[in-house]
Amino acid sequence: MYETVAEIADPSQARVLITALKAHGFHPLEGGENGLPGLPGVYGPRGIAIAVPDAEASDARLLLADLIADMGGPETGGVVT
């Protein structure tokens, strides 16, 4: 099962964060950065959801929180859930 670990309002920032997760050995769910299923370019009300396997969720949240802080904090549109 996958767990949503962050919702990112900016699609460019979401792509960078997903790439960073992969570079650190995480396995984010593919396709989330393209929009809602069947509706490319249309995102949920809080942005793009980033989901990882349940076993990786707590570590992924820590990494994402640090990366978002380095990118300018929550005011840039990143919310770690």
Protein backbone atom coordinates (compact mmCIF):
# COMPACT_ATOMS: atom_id res chain seq x y z
CA MET A 1 0.00 0.00 0.00
CA TYR A 2 1.03 3.58 -0.59
CA GLU A 3 0.71 6.51 1.79
CA THR A 4 0.52 10.18 0.82
CA VAL A 5 3.42 11.97 2.49
CA ALA A 6 3.08 15.45 0.97
CA GLU A 7 0.85 17.62 -1.17
CA ILE A 8 2.66 20.15 -3.32
CA ALA A 9 0.88 23.06 -5.02
CA ASP A 10 3.63 23.81 -7.56
CA PRO A 11 4.01 21.07 -10.23
CA SER A 12 7.66 21.99 -10.84
CA GLN A 13 8.48 21.68 -7.15
CA ALA A 14 6.64 18.35 -7.00
CA ARG A 15 8.74 16.97 -9.86
CA VAL A 16 11.95 18.05 -8.12
CA LEU A 17 10.85 16.47 -4.83
CA ILE A 18 9.83 13.20 -6.53
CA THR A 19 13.21 13.07 -8.28
CA ALA A 20 14.98 13.75 -4.98
CA LEU A 21 13.05 10.93 -3.30
CA LYS A 22 14.09 8.54 -6.06
CA ALA A 23 17.71 9.69 -5.80
CA HIS A 24 17.65 8.88 -2.08
CA GLY A 25 16.35 5.34 -2.67
CA PHE A 26 12.63 5.89 -2.09
CA HIS A 27 9.97 4.52 -4.42
CA PRO A 28 7.30 7.22 -4.97
CA LEU A 29 4.14 6.24 -6.82
CA GLU A 30 4.58 6.94 -10.53
CA GLY A 31 2.29 9.30 -12.39
CA GLY A 32 1.19 11.51 -9.49
CA GLU A 33 3.05 14.50 -10.89
CA ASN A 34 0.91 14.48 -14.07
CA GLY A 35 -2.45 15.25 -12.45
CA LEU A 36 -5.53 13.28 -11.52
CA PRO A 37 -6.07 9.91 -13.22
CA GLY A 38 -7.57 10.47 -16.65
CA LEU A 39 -7.25 14.24 -16.29
CA PRO A 40 -3.65 15.26 -16.99
CA GLY A 41 -2.90 18.78 -15.80
CA VAL A 42 -5.80 18.78 -13.29
CA TYR A 43 -4.69 18.50 -9.68
CA GLY A 44 -6.43 17.99 -6.36
CA PRO A 45 -7.48 20.95 -4.22
CA ARG A 46 -4.16 20.99 -2.28
CA GLY A 47 -1.92 20.21 -5.24
CA ILE A 48 0.00 17.13 -6.30
CA ALA A 49 0.00 14.26 -3.83
CA ILE A 50 3.31 12.45 -3.37
CA ALA A 51 2.83 8.86 -2.18
CA VAL A 52 5.42 6.28 -1.15
CA PRO A 53 5.12 2.70 0.16
CA ASP A 54 3.91 2.55 3.77
CA ALA A 55 7.27 1.25 5.01
CA GLU A 56 9.05 4.33 3.62
CA ALA A 57 6.53 6.97 4.69
CA SER A 58 8.06 8.22 7.95
CA ASP A 59 11.57 8.58 6.48
CA ALA A 60 10.20 10.19 3.30
CA ARG A 61 8.32 12.78 5.39
CA LEU A 62 11.54 13.75 7.17
CA LEU A 63 13.43 14.14 3.90
CA LEU A 64 10.62 16.10 2.25
CA ALA A 65 10.28 18.45 5.23
CA ASP A 66 14.01 19.25 5.01
CA LEU A 67 13.92 19.67 1.24
CA ILE A 68 10.87 21.94 1.37
CA ALA A 69 12.53 24.03 4.08
CA ASP A 70 15.64 24.35 1.89
CA MET A 71 13.44 25.39 -1.05
CA GLY A 72 11.84 28.20 0.91
CA GLY A 73 9.50 26.58 3.40
CA PRO A 74 5.76 25.92 3.36
CA GLU A 75 5.01 29.31 1.82
CA THR A 76 6.24 27.84 -1.50
CA GLY A 77 3.25 25.51 -1.53
CA GLY A 78 4.61 22.32 0.01
CA VAL A 79 2.67 20.60 2.77
CA VAL A 80 4.10 17.47 4.38
CA THR A 81 1.19 15.41 5.69
